[in-house]
PDB file of N, CA and C in Angstrom:
ATOM      1  N   MET A   1       0.839  -1.139  -0.017  1.00  0.00           N
ATOM      2  CA  MET A   1       0.032   0.047   0.013  1.00  0.00           C
ATOM      3  C   MET A   1       0.958   1.150   0.045  1.00  0.00           C
ATOM      4  N   ALA A   2       0.679   2.230  -1.017  1.00  0.00           N
ATOM      5  CA  ALA A   2       1.464   3.318  -1.081  1.00  0.00           C
ATOM      6  C   ALA A   2       1.022   4.403  -0.082  1.00  0.00           C
ATOM      7  N   TRP A   3       1.910   5.179   0.327  1.00  0.00           N
ATOM      8  CA  TRP A   3       1.485   6.251   1.378  1.00  0.00           C
ATOM      9  C   TRP A   3       1.131   7.448   0.497  1.00  0.00           C
ATOM     10  N   SER A   4       0.034   8.274   0.939  1.00  0.00           N
ATOM     11  CA  SER A   4      -0.283   9.389   0.407  1.00  0.00           C
ATOM     12  C   SER A   4       0.650  10.503   0.700  1.00  0.00           C
ATOM     13  N   ARG A   5       0.570  11.722   0.038  1.00  0.00           N
ATOM     14  CA  ARG A   5       1.346  12.836   0.438  1.00  0.00           C
ATOM     15  C   ARG A   5       0.986  13.254   1.796  1.00  0.00           C
ATOM     16  N   TYR A   6      -0.236  13.155   2.232  1.00  0.00           N
ATOM     17  CA  TYR A   6      -0.621  13.680   3.476  1.00  0.00           C
ATOM     18  C   TYR A   6       0.026  12.894   4.546  1.00  0.00           C
ATOM     19  N   GLN A   7       0.024  11.575   4.370  1.00  0.00           N
ATOM     20  CA  GLN A   7       0.668  10.560   5.313  1.00  0.00           C
ATOM     21  C   GLN A   7       2.167  10.809   5.414  1.00  0.00           C
ATOM     22  N   LEU A   8       2.810  10.958   4.334  1.00  0.00           N
ATOM     23  CA  LEU A   8       4.234  11.254   4.383  1.00  0.00           C
ATOM     24  C   LEU A   8       4.587  12.543   4.884  1.00  0.00           C
ATOM     25  N   GLY A   9       3.750  13.607   4.797  1.00  0.00           N
ATOM     26  CA  GLY A   9       4.030  14.909   5.361  1.00  0.00           C
ATOM     27  C   GLY A   9       3.661  14.756   6.914  1.00  0.00           C
ATOM     28  N   LEU A  10       2.699  13.950   7.391  1.00  0.00           N
ATOM     29  CA  LEU A  10       2.389  13.800   8.722  1.00  0.00           C
ATOM     30  C   LEU A  10       3.543  13.044   9.406  1.00  0.00           C
ATOM     31  N   ALA A  11       4.039  11.939   8.772  1.00  0.00           N
ATOM     32  CA  ALA A  11       5.152  11.278   9.300  1.00  0.00           C
ATOM     33  C   ALA A  11       6.415  12.147   9.371  1.00  0.00           C
ATOM     34  N   ALA A  12       6.703  12.855   8.464  1.00  0.00           N
ATOM     35  CA  ALA A  12       7.852  13.813   8.488  1.00  0.00           C
ATOM     36  C   ALA A  12       7.763  14.716   9.708  1.00  0.00           C
ATOM     37  N   LEU A  13       6.545  15.319   9.788  1.00  0.00           N
ATOM     38  CA  LEU A  13       6.289  16.265  10.914  1.00  0.00           C
ATOM     39  C   LEU A  13       6.311  15.669  12.238  1.00  0.00           C
ATOM     40  N   MET A  14       5.887  14.491  12.434  1.00  0.00           N
ATOM     41  CA  MET A  14       5.997  13.746  13.725  1.00  0.00           C
ATOM     42  C   MET A  14       7.514  13.384  13.976  1.00  0.00           C
ATOM     43  N   LEU A  15       8.265  13.078  13.020  1.00  0.00           N
ATOM     44  CA  LEU A  15       9.751  12.935  13.177  1.00  0.00           C
ATOM     45  C   LEU A  15      10.432  14.197  13.569  1.00  0.00           C
ATOM     46  N   LEU A  16      10.021  15.300  13.011  1.00  0.00           N
ATOM     47  CA  LEU A  16      10.742  16.550  13.258  1.00  0.00           C
ATOM     48  C   LEU A  16      10.291  17.037  14.680  1.00  0.00           C
ATOM     49  N   THR A  17       9.038  17.013  15.042  1.00  0.00           N
ATOM     50  CA  THR A  17       8.632  17.462  16.300  1.00  0.00           C
ATOM     51  C   THR A  17       9.143  16.521  17.458  1.00  0.00           C
ATOM     52  N   GLY A  18       9.318  15.249  17.206  1.00  0.00           N
ATOM     53  CA  GLY A  18       9.806  14.334  18.215  1.00  0.00           C
ATOM     54  C   GLY A  18      11.242  14.513  18.376  1.00  0.00           C
ATOM     55  N   SER A  19      12.098  14.881  17.383  1.00  0.00           N
ATOM     56  CA  SER A  19      13.341  15.189  17.449  1.00  0.00           C
ATOM     57  C   SER A  19      13.587  16.486  18.170  1.00  0.00           C
ATOM     58  N   ILE A  20      12.803  17.493  17.918  1.00  0.00           N
ATOM     59  CA  ILE A  20      12.928  18.747  18.659  1.00  0.00           C
ATOM     60  C   ILE A  20      12.630  18.502  20.140  1.00  0.00           C
ATOM     61  N   ASN A  21      11.630  17.739  20.438  1.00  0.00           N
ATOM     62  CA  ASN A  21      11.199  17.436  21.822  1.00  0.00           C
ATOM     63  C   ASN A  21      12.394  16.724  22.534  1.00  0.00           C
ATOM     64  N   THR A  22      13.010  15.868  21.922  1.00  0.00           N
ATOM     65  CA  THR A  22      14.122  15.067  22.527  1.00  0.00           C
ATOM     66  C   THR A  22      15.238  16.065  22.761  1.00  0.00           C
ATOM     67  N   LEU A  23      15.576  16.736  21.792  1.00  0.00           N
ATOM     68  CA  LEU A  23      16.768  17.721  21.993  1.00  0.00           C
ATOM     69  C   LEU A  23      16.493  18.749  23.002  1.00  0.00           C
ATOM     70  N   ALA A  24      15.315  19.312  22.927  1.00  0.00           N
ATOM     71  CA  ALA A  24      14.980  20.300  23.998  1.00  0.00           C
ATOM     72  C   ALA A  24      14.943  19.740  25.427  1.00  0.00           C
ATOM     73  N   ALA A  25      14.515  18.513  25.563  1.00  0.00           N
ATOM     74  CA  ALA A  25      14.567  17.777  26.890  1.00  0.00           C
ATOM     75  C   ALA A  25      16.010  17.634  27.377  1.00  0.00           C
ATOM     76  N   LYS A  26      16.880  17.206  26.449  1.00  0.00           N
ATOM     77  CA  LYS A  26      18.238  17.036  26.688  1.00  0.00           C
ATOM     78  C   LYS A  26      18.853  18.388  27.178  1.00  0.00           C
ATOM     79  N   TRP A  27      18.562  19.401  26.472  1.00  0.00           N
ATOM     80  CA  TRP A  27      19.077  20.731  26.658  1.00  0.00           C
ATOM     81  C   TRP A  27      18.725  21.325  27.989  1.00  0.00           C
ATOM     82  N   ALA A  28      17.465  21.077  28.356  1.00  0.00           N
ATOM     83  CA  ALA A  28      16.871  21.516  29.574  1.00  0.00           C
ATOM     84  C   ALA A  28      17.503  20.622  30.720  1.00  0.00           C
ATOM     85  N   ASP A  29      17.863  19.560  30.488  1.00  0.00           N
ATOM     86  CA  ASP A  29      18.388  18.730  31.680  1.00  0.00           C
ATOM     87  C   ASP A  29      19.838  19.147  32.011  1.00  0.00           C
ATOM     88  N   ASN A  30      20.572  19.835  31.011  1.00  0.00           N
ATOM     89  CA  ASN A  30      21.953  20.330  31.273  1.00  0.00           C
ATOM     90  C   ASN A  30      22.040  21.530  31.994  1.00  0.00           C
ATOM     91  N   PHE A  31      20.912  22.143  32.372  1.00  0.00           N
ATOM     92  CA  PHE A  31      20.931  23.459  33.226  1.00  0.00           C
ATOM     93  C   PHE A  31      21.448  23.267  34.586  1.00  0.00           C
ATOM     94  N   SER A  32      21.982  24.265  35.183  1.00  0.00           N
ATOM     95  CA  SER A  32      22.524  24.147  36.513  1.00  0.00           C
ATOM     96  C   SER A  32      22.025  25.448  37.244  1.00  0.00           C
ATOM     97  N   ALA A  33      21.973  25.511  38.563  1.00  0.00           N
ATOM     98  CA  ALA A  33      21.515  26.688  39.250  1.00  0.00           C
ATOM     99  C   ALA A  33      22.240  26.736  40.632  1.00  0.00           C
ATOM    100  N   ALA A  34      22.407  27.924  41.070  1.00  0.00           N
ATOM    101  CA  ALA A  34      22.879  28.110  42.367  1.00  0.00           C
ATOM    102  C   ALA A  34      21.868  27.654  43.602  1.00  0.00           C
ATOM    103  N   GLY A  35      22.187  27.162  44.516  1.00  0.00           N
ATOM    104  CA  GLY A  35      21.353  26.773  45.612  1.00  0.00           C
ATOM    105  C   GLY A  35      20.834  27.946  46.476  1.00  0.00           C
ATOM    106  N   CYS A  36      19.934  27.686  47.231  1.00  0.00           N
ATOM    107  CA  CYS A  36      19.330  28.794  48.335  1.00  0.00           C
ATOM    108  C   CYS A  36      20.526  29.199  49.173  1.00  0.00           C
ATOM    109  N   GLY A  37      20.505  30.411  49.575  1.00  0.00           N
ATOM    110  CA  GLY A  37      21.425  31.001  50.548  1.00  0.00           C
ATOM    111  C   GLY A  37      22.759  30.907  50.260  1.00  0.00           C
ATOM    112  N   GLY A  38      23.090  31.053  48.935  1.00  0.00           N
ATOM    113  CA  GLY A  38      24.451  31.071  48.311  1.00  0.00           C
ATOM    114  C   GLY A  38      25.192  29.728  48.403  1.00  0.00           C
ATOM    115  N   THR A  39      24.544  28.522  48.514  1.00  0.00           N
ATOM    116  CA  THR A  39      25.065  27.236  48.435  1.00  0.00           C
ATOM    117  C   THR A  39      25.746  26.950  47.064  1.00  0.00           C
ATOM    118  N   GLU A  40      26.364  25.878  47.022  1.00  0.00           N
ATOM    119  CA  GLU A  40      27.036  25.608  45.664  1.00  0.00           C
ATOM    120  C   GLU A  40      26.057  25.430  44.514  1.00  0.00           C
ATOM    121  N   GLU A  41      26.578  25.455  43.433  1.00  0.00           N
ATOM    122  CA  GLU A  41      25.782  25.201  42.152  1.00  0.00           C
ATOM    123  C   GLU A  41      25.501  23.766  41.994  1.00  0.00           C
ATOM    124  N   HIS A  42      24.348  23.311  41.577  1.00  0.00           N
ATOM    125  CA  HIS A  42      23.953  21.952  41.262  1.00  0.00           C
ATOM    126  C   HIS A  42      23.224  21.879  39.980  1.00  0.00           C
ATOM    127  N   SER A  43      23.276  20.746  39.421  1.00  0.00           N
ATOM    128  CA  SER A  43      22.602  20.454  38.128  1.00  0.00           C
ATOM    129  C   SER A  43      21.254  19.705  38.381  1.00  0.00           C
ATOM    130  N   PHE A  44      20.378  19.919  37.493  1.00  0.00           N
ATOM    131  CA  PHE A  44      18.982  19.231  37.609  1.00  0.00           C
ATOM    132  C   PHE A  44      19.179  17.784  37.179  1.00  0.00           C
ATOM    133  N   GLN A  45      18.352  16.926  37.843  1.00  0.00           N
ATOM    134  CA  GLN A  45      18.289  15.583  37.548  1.00  0.00           C
ATOM    135  C   GLN A  45      17.364  15.317  36.405  1.00  0.00           C
ATOM    136  N   HIS A  46      16.099  15.909  36.495  1.00  0.00           N
ATOM    137  CA  HIS A  46      15.186  15.853  35.482  1.00  0.00           C
ATOM    138  C   HIS A  46      14.043  16.712  36.128  1.00  0.00           C
ATOM    139  N   PRO A  47      14.036  18.003  35.706  1.00  0.00           N
ATOM    140  CA  PRO A  47      13.074  19.011  36.337  1.00  0.00           C
ATOM    141  C   PRO A  47      11.666  18.421  36.354  1.00  0.00           C
ATOM    142  N   PHE A  48      11.084  18.623  37.496  1.00  0.00           N
ATOM    143  CA  PHE A  48       9.579  18.233  37.675  1.00  0.00           C
ATOM    144  C   PHE A  48       8.758  19.081  36.716  1.00  0.00           C
ATOM    145  N   LEU A  49       9.116  20.371  36.695  1.00  0.00           N
ATOM    146  CA  LEU A  49       8.243  21.338  35.868  1.00  0.00           C
ATOM    147  C   LEU A  49       8.270  20.920  34.311  1.00  0.00           C
ATOM    148  N   GLN A  50       9.466  20.534  33.960  1.00  0.00           N
ATOM    149  CA  GLN A  50       9.796  20.054  32.500  1.00  0.00           C
ATOM    150  C   GLN A  50       8.856  18.726  32.226  1.00  0.00           C
ATOM    151  N   ALA A  51       8.895  17.858  33.264  1.00  0.00           N
ATOM    152  CA  ALA A  51       8.169  16.678  32.961  1.00  0.00           C
ATOM    153  C   ALA A  51       6.591  16.957  32.809  1.00  0.00           C
ATOM    154  N   VAL A  52       6.193  17.811  33.811  1.00  0.00           N
ATOM    155  CA  VAL A  52       4.774  18.221  33.683  1.00  0.00           C
ATOM    156  C   VAL A  52       4.395  18.945  32.465  1.00  0.00           C
ATOM    157  N   GLY A  53       5.331  19.823  31.954  1.00  0.00           N
ATOM    158  CA  GLY A  53       5.054  20.515  30.676  1.00  0.00           C
ATOM    159  C   GLY A  53       5.022  19.557  29.538  1.00  0.00           C
ATOM    160  N   MET A  54       5.826  18.598  29.382  1.00  0.00           N
ATOM    161  CA  MET A  54       5.860  17.645  28.337  1.00  0.00           C
ATOM    162  C   MET A  54       4.448  16.789  28.475  1.00  0.00           C
ATOM    163  N   PHE A  55       4.152  16.504  29.707  1.00  0.00           N
ATOM    164  CA  PHE A  55       2.844  15.651  29.865  1.00  0.00           C
ATOM    165  C   PHE A  55       1.698  16.399  29.336  1.00  0.00           C
ATOM    166  N   LEU A  56       1.696  17.802  29.767  1.00  0.00           N
ATOM    167  CA  LEU A  56       0.433  18.578  29.223  1.00  0.00           C
ATOM    168  C   LEU A  56       0.460  18.739  27.823  1.00  0.00           C
ATOM    169  N   GLY A  57       1.694  18.974  27.139  1.00  0.00           N
ATOM    170  CA  GLY A  57       1.790  19.059  25.799  1.00  0.00           C
ATOM    171  C   GLY A  57       1.273  17.871  24.987  1.00  0.00           C
ATOM    172  N   GLU A  58       1.678  16.725  25.520  1.00  0.00           N
ATOM    173  CA  GLU A  58       1.223  15.490  24.887  1.00  0.00           C
ATOM    174  C   GLU A  58      -0.234  15.194  25.104  1.00  0.00           C
ATOM    175  N   PHE A  59      -0.792  15.515  26.295  1.00  0.00           N
ATOM    176  CA  PHE A  59      -2.138  15.364  26.659  1.00  0.00           C
ATOM    177  C   PHE A  59      -3.049  16.283  25.863  1.00  0.00           C
ATOM    178  N   SER A  60      -2.533  17.434  25.596  1.00  0.00           N
ATOM    179  CA  SER A  60      -3.158  18.391  24.722  1.00  0.00           C
ATOM    180  C   SER A  60      -3.553  17.923  23.233  1.00  0.00           C
ATOM    181  N   CYS A  61      -2.597  17.115  22.810  1.00  0.00           N
ATOM    182  CA  CYS A  61      -2.759  16.491  21.414  1.00  0.00           C
ATOM    183  C   CYS A  61      -3.913  15.528  21.570  1.00  0.00           C
ATOM    184  N   LEU A  62      -4.176  14.774  22.578  1.00  0.00           N
ATOM    185  CA  LEU A  62      -5.189  13.917  22.712  1.00  0.00           C
ATOM    186  C   LEU A  62      -6.486  14.699  22.810  1.00  0.00           C
ATOM    187  N   ALA A  63      -6.584  15.726  23.493  1.00  0.00           N
ATOM    188  CA  ALA A  63      -7.698  16.754  23.627  1.00  0.00           C
ATOM    189  C   ALA A  63      -8.043  17.201  22.233  1.00  0.00           C
ATOM    190  N   VAL A  64      -7.132  17.749  21.442  1.00  0.00           N
ATOM    191  CA  VAL A  64      -7.360  18.290  20.209  1.00  0.00           C
ATOM    192  C   VAL A  64      -7.944  17.142  19.332  1.00  0.00           C
ATOM    193  N   PHE A  65      -7.505  15.968  19.351  1.00  0.00           N
ATOM    194  CA  PHE A  65      -8.078  14.760  18.611  1.00  0.00           C
ATOM    195  C   PHE A  65      -9.487  14.515  18.920  1.00  0.00           C
ATOM    196  N   TYR A  66      -9.842  14.571  20.199  1.00  0.00           N
ATOM    197  CA  TYR A  66     -11.288  14.346  20.498  1.00  0.00           C
ATOM    198  C   TYR A  66     -12.113  15.540  20.101  1.00  0.00           C
ATOM    199  N   LEU A  67     -11.550  16.813  20.164  1.00  0.00           N
ATOM    200  CA  LEU A  67     -12.435  17.938  19.734  1.00  0.00           C
ATOM    201  C   LEU A  67     -12.665  17.817  18.261  1.00  0.00           C
ATOM    202  N   LEU A  68     -11.554  17.465  17.418  1.00  0.00           N
ATOM    203  CA  LEU A  68     -11.891  17.108  15.985  1.00  0.00           C
ATOM    204  C   LEU A  68     -12.773  16.089  15.674  1.00  0.00           C
ATOM    205  N   LEU A  69     -12.661  15.016  16.459  1.00  0.00           N
ATOM    206  CA  LEU A  69     -13.640  13.914  16.361  1.00  0.00           C
ATOM    207  C   LEU A  69     -15.006  14.344  16.567  1.00  0.00           C
ATOM    208  N   CYS A  70     -15.352  15.010  17.704  1.00  0.00           N
ATOM    209  CA  CYS A  70     -16.682  15.473  18.039  1.00  0.00           C
ATOM    210  C   CYS A  70     -17.162  16.365  16.940  1.00  0.00           C
ATOM    211  N   ARG A  71     -16.426  17.274  16.390  1.00  0.00           N
ATOM    212  CA  ARG A  71     -16.651  18.241  15.416  1.00  0.00           C
ATOM    213  C   ARG A  71     -17.072  17.353  14.132  1.00  0.00           C
ATOM    214  N   ASP A  72     -16.326  16.493  13.787  1.00  0.00           N
ATOM    215  CA  ASP A  72     -16.580  15.609  12.627  1.00  0.00           C
ATOM    216  C   ASP A  72     -17.929  14.829  12.790  1.00  0.00           C
ATOM    217  N   ARG A  73     -18.286  14.374  13.923  1.00  0.00           N
ATOM    218  CA  ARG A  73     -19.466  13.611  14.183  1.00  0.00           C
ATOM    219  C   ARG A  73     -20.719  14.373  13.963  1.00  0.00           C
ATOM    220  N   ARG A  74     -20.611  15.694  14.187  1.00  0.00           N
ATOM    221  CA  ARG A  74     -21.664  16.624  14.062  1.00  0.00           C
ATOM    222  C   ARG A  74     -21.928  16.942  12.626  1.00  0.00           C
ATOM    223  N   ARG A  75     -21.188  16.662  11.711  1.00  0.00           N
ATOM    224  CA  ARG A  75     -21.268  16.960  10.291  1.00  0.00           C
ATOM    225  C   ARG A  75     -22.386  16.069   9.677  1.00  0.00           C
ATOM    226  N   PRO A  76     -23.007  16.374   8.666  1.00  0.00           N
ATOM    227  CA  PRO A  76     -24.038  15.482   8.045  1.00  0.00           C
ATOM    228  C   PRO A  76     -23.253  14.199   7.420  1.00  0.00           C
ATOM    229  N   GLU A  77     -22.186  14.351   6.942  1.00  0.00           N
ATOM    230  CA  GLU A  77     -21.372  13.166   6.412  1.00  0.00           C
ATOM    231  C   GLU A  77     -20.041  13.239   7.047  1.00  0.00           C
ATOM    232  N   PRO A  78     -19.895  12.483   8.285  1.00  0.00           N
ATOM    233  CA  PRO A  78     -18.536  12.479   8.956  1.00  0.00           C
ATOM    234  C   PRO A  78     -17.445  11.844   8.063  1.00  0.00           C
ATOM    235  N   SER A  79     -16.382  12.424   7.957  1.00  0.00           N
ATOM    236  CA  SER A  79     -15.313  11.966   7.244  1.00  0.00           C
ATOM    237  C   SER A  79     -14.360  10.939   8.049  1.00  0.00           C
ATOM    238  N   MET A  80     -14.534  10.968   9.357  1.00  0.00           N
ATOM    239  CA  MET A  80     -13.676  10.170  10.132  1.00  0.00           C
ATOM    240  C   MET A  80     -14.487   8.841  10.715  1.00  0.00           C
ATOM    241  N   ALA A  81     -15.559   8.591  10.288  1.00  0.00           N
ATOM    242  CA  ALA A  81     -16.369   7.513  10.603  1.00  0.00           C
ATOM    243  C   ALA A  81     -15.738   6.210  10.067  1.00  0.00           C
ATOM    244  N   PRO A  82     -15.741   5.143  11.051  1.00  0.00           N
ATOM    245  CA  PRO A  82     -15.132   3.850  10.536  1.00  0.00           C
ATOM    246  C   PRO A  82     -16.009   3.151   9.666  1.00  0.00           C
ATOM    247  N   THR A  83     -15.400   2.623   8.623  1.00  0.00           N
ATOM    248  CA  THR A  83     -16.195   1.983   7.621  1.00  0.00           C
ATOM    249  C   THR A  83     -15.376   0.623   7.274  1.00  0.00           C
ATOM    250  N   ILE A  84     -16.022  -0.391   6.689  1.00  0.00           N
ATOM    251  CA  ILE A  84     -15.431  -1.564   6.319  1.00  0.00           C
ATOM    252  C   ILE A  84     -14.305  -1.323   5.385  1.00  0.00           C
ATOM    253  N   SER A  85     -14.408  -0.367   4.411  1.00  0.00           N
ATOM    254  CA  SER A  85     -13.451  -0.018   3.427  1.00  0.00           C
ATOM    255  C   SER A  85     -12.277   0.465   4.058  1.00  0.00           C
ATOM    256  N   ASN A  86     -12.314   1.504   5.032  1.00  0.00           N
ATOM    257  CA  ASN A  86     -11.262   2.106   5.501  1.00  0.00           C
ATOM    258  C   ASN A  86     -10.432   1.279   6.620  1.00  0.00           C
ATOM    259  N   ILE A  87     -11.125   0.171   7.105  1.00  0.00           N
ATOM    260  CA  ILE A  87     -10.424  -0.485   8.118  1.00  0.00           C
ATOM    261  C   ILE A  87      -9.674  -1.698   7.489  1.00  0.00           C
ATOM    262  N   PHE A  88     -10.400  -2.440   6.567  1.00  0.00           N
ATOM    263  CA  PHE A  88      -9.775  -3.646   6.060  1.00  0.00           C
ATOM    264  C   PHE A  88      -9.197  -3.480   4.694  1.00  0.00           C
ATOM    265  N   VAL A  89      -9.750  -2.650   3.817  1.00  0.00           N
ATOM    266  CA  VAL A  89      -9.252  -2.542   2.405  1.00  0.00           C
ATOM    267  C   VAL A  89      -7.969  -1.598   2.410  1.00  0.00           C
ATOM    268  N   GLY A  90      -8.045  -0.610   3.367  1.00  0.00           N
ATOM    269  CA  GLY A  90      -6.908   0.235   3.298  1.00  0.00           C
ATOM    270  C   GLY A  90      -7.027   1.496   2.638  1.00  0.00           C
ATOM    271  N   ASP A  91      -8.209   2.124   2.639  1.00  0.00           N
ATOM    272  CA  ASP A  91      -8.508   3.458   2.023  1.00  0.00           C
ATOM    273  C   ASP A  91      -7.706   4.432   2.612  1.00  0.00           C
ATOM    274  N   THR A  92      -6.657   4.975   1.969  1.00  0.00           N
ATOM    275  CA  THR A  92      -5.728   5.906   2.446  1.00  0.00           C
ATOM    276  C   THR A  92      -6.249   7.435   2.485  1.00  0.00           C
ATOM    277  N   ASP A  93      -7.382   7.604   1.794  1.00  0.00           N
ATOM    278  CA  ASP A  93      -7.980   8.895   1.890  1.00  0.00           C
ATOM    279  C   ASP A  93      -8.787   9.247   3.200  1.00  0.00           C
ATOM    280  N   ARG A  94      -9.061   8.240   3.985  1.00  0.00           N
ATOM    281  CA  ARG A  94      -9.821   8.383   5.159  1.00  0.00           C
ATOM    282  C   ARG A  94      -8.940   8.253   6.352  1.00  0.00           C
ATOM    283  N   ALA A  95      -9.224   8.829   7.478  1.00  0.00           N
ATOM    284  CA  ALA A  95      -8.537   8.707   8.636  1.00  0.00           C
ATOM    285  C   ALA A  95      -8.857   7.429   9.303  1.00  0.00           C
ATOM    286  N   LEU A  96      -7.974   6.931  10.157  1.00  0.00           N
ATOM    287  CA  LEU A  96      -8.193   5.604  10.817  1.00  0.00           C
ATOM    288  C   LEU A  96      -9.282   5.860  11.997  1.00  0.00           C
ATOM    289  N   SER A  97     -10.030   4.798  12.203  1.00  0.00           N
ATOM    290  CA  SER A  97     -10.988   4.889  13.174  1.00  0.00           C
ATOM    291  C   SER A  97     -10.414   5.216  14.607  1.00  0.00           C
ATOM    292  N   GLU A  98     -11.181   5.606  15.481  1.00  0.00           N
ATOM    293  CA  GLU A  98     -10.770   5.789  16.802  1.00  0.00           C
ATOM    294  C   GLU A  98     -10.307   4.593  17.457  1.00  0.00           C
ATOM    295  N   SER A  99     -11.086   3.363  17.428  1.00  0.00           N
ATOM    296  CA  SER A  99     -10.643   2.215  17.993  1.00  0.00           C
ATOM    297  C   SER A  99      -9.377   1.644  17.610  1.00  0.00           C
ATOM    298  N   LEU A 100      -8.994   1.925  16.330  1.00  0.00           N
ATOM    299  CA  LEU A 100      -7.704   1.297  15.769  1.00  0.00           C
ATOM    300  C   LEU A 100      -6.669   2.144  16.430  1.00  0.00           C
ATOM    301  N   GLN A 101      -6.785   3.502  16.585  1.00  0.00           N
ATOM    302  CA  GLN A 101      -5.710   4.252  17.122  1.00  0.00           C
ATOM    303  C   GLN A 101      -5.492   4.004  18.697  1.00  0.00           C
ATOM    304  N   MET A 102      -6.480   3.504  19.275  1.00  0.00           N
ATOM    305  CA  MET A 102      -6.162   3.189  20.790  1.00  0.00           C
ATOM    306  C   MET A 102      -5.820   1.758  21.062  1.00  0.00           C
ATOM    307  N   THR A 103      -5.613   0.977  19.980  1.00  0.00           N
ATOM    308  CA  THR A 103      -5.227  -0.399  19.970  1.00  0.00           C
ATOM    309  C   THR A 103      -3.820  -0.460  20.478  1.00  0.00           C
ATOM    310  N   PRO A 104      -3.404  -1.222  21.611  1.00  0.00           N
ATOM    311  CA  PRO A 104      -1.953  -1.242  21.873  1.00  0.00           C
ATOM    312  C   PRO A 104      -1.195  -2.077  20.991  1.00  0.00           C
ATOM    313  N   ILE A 105      -0.010  -1.724  20.849  1.00  0.00           N
ATOM    314  CA  ILE A 105       0.933  -2.432  19.782  1.00  0.00           C
ATOM    315  C   ILE A 105       1.752  -3.365  20.645  1.00  0.00           C
TER     316      ILE A 105
END
């Protein structure tokens, strides 16, 4: 099955943003700061705020997915509705169904 331009673009975008995320996390872990009251400088082990920020960013992607899904379901002809053709035949013009995206690999 050949990939459409949209799928190739989406895969490239995911690779790019994932690489930026990894490099930014590595860069943030290299920070150091002086302690309270003039104590010696120490480096971060894995900042809690960074982990929370990354979690919220990833969770917001899930929220956007469900908002788009709800908007699509209100249309007269939903484009993301699961059908036999896009699940088993591999219709690349339609998005995968919600149940397939939540299937563990």
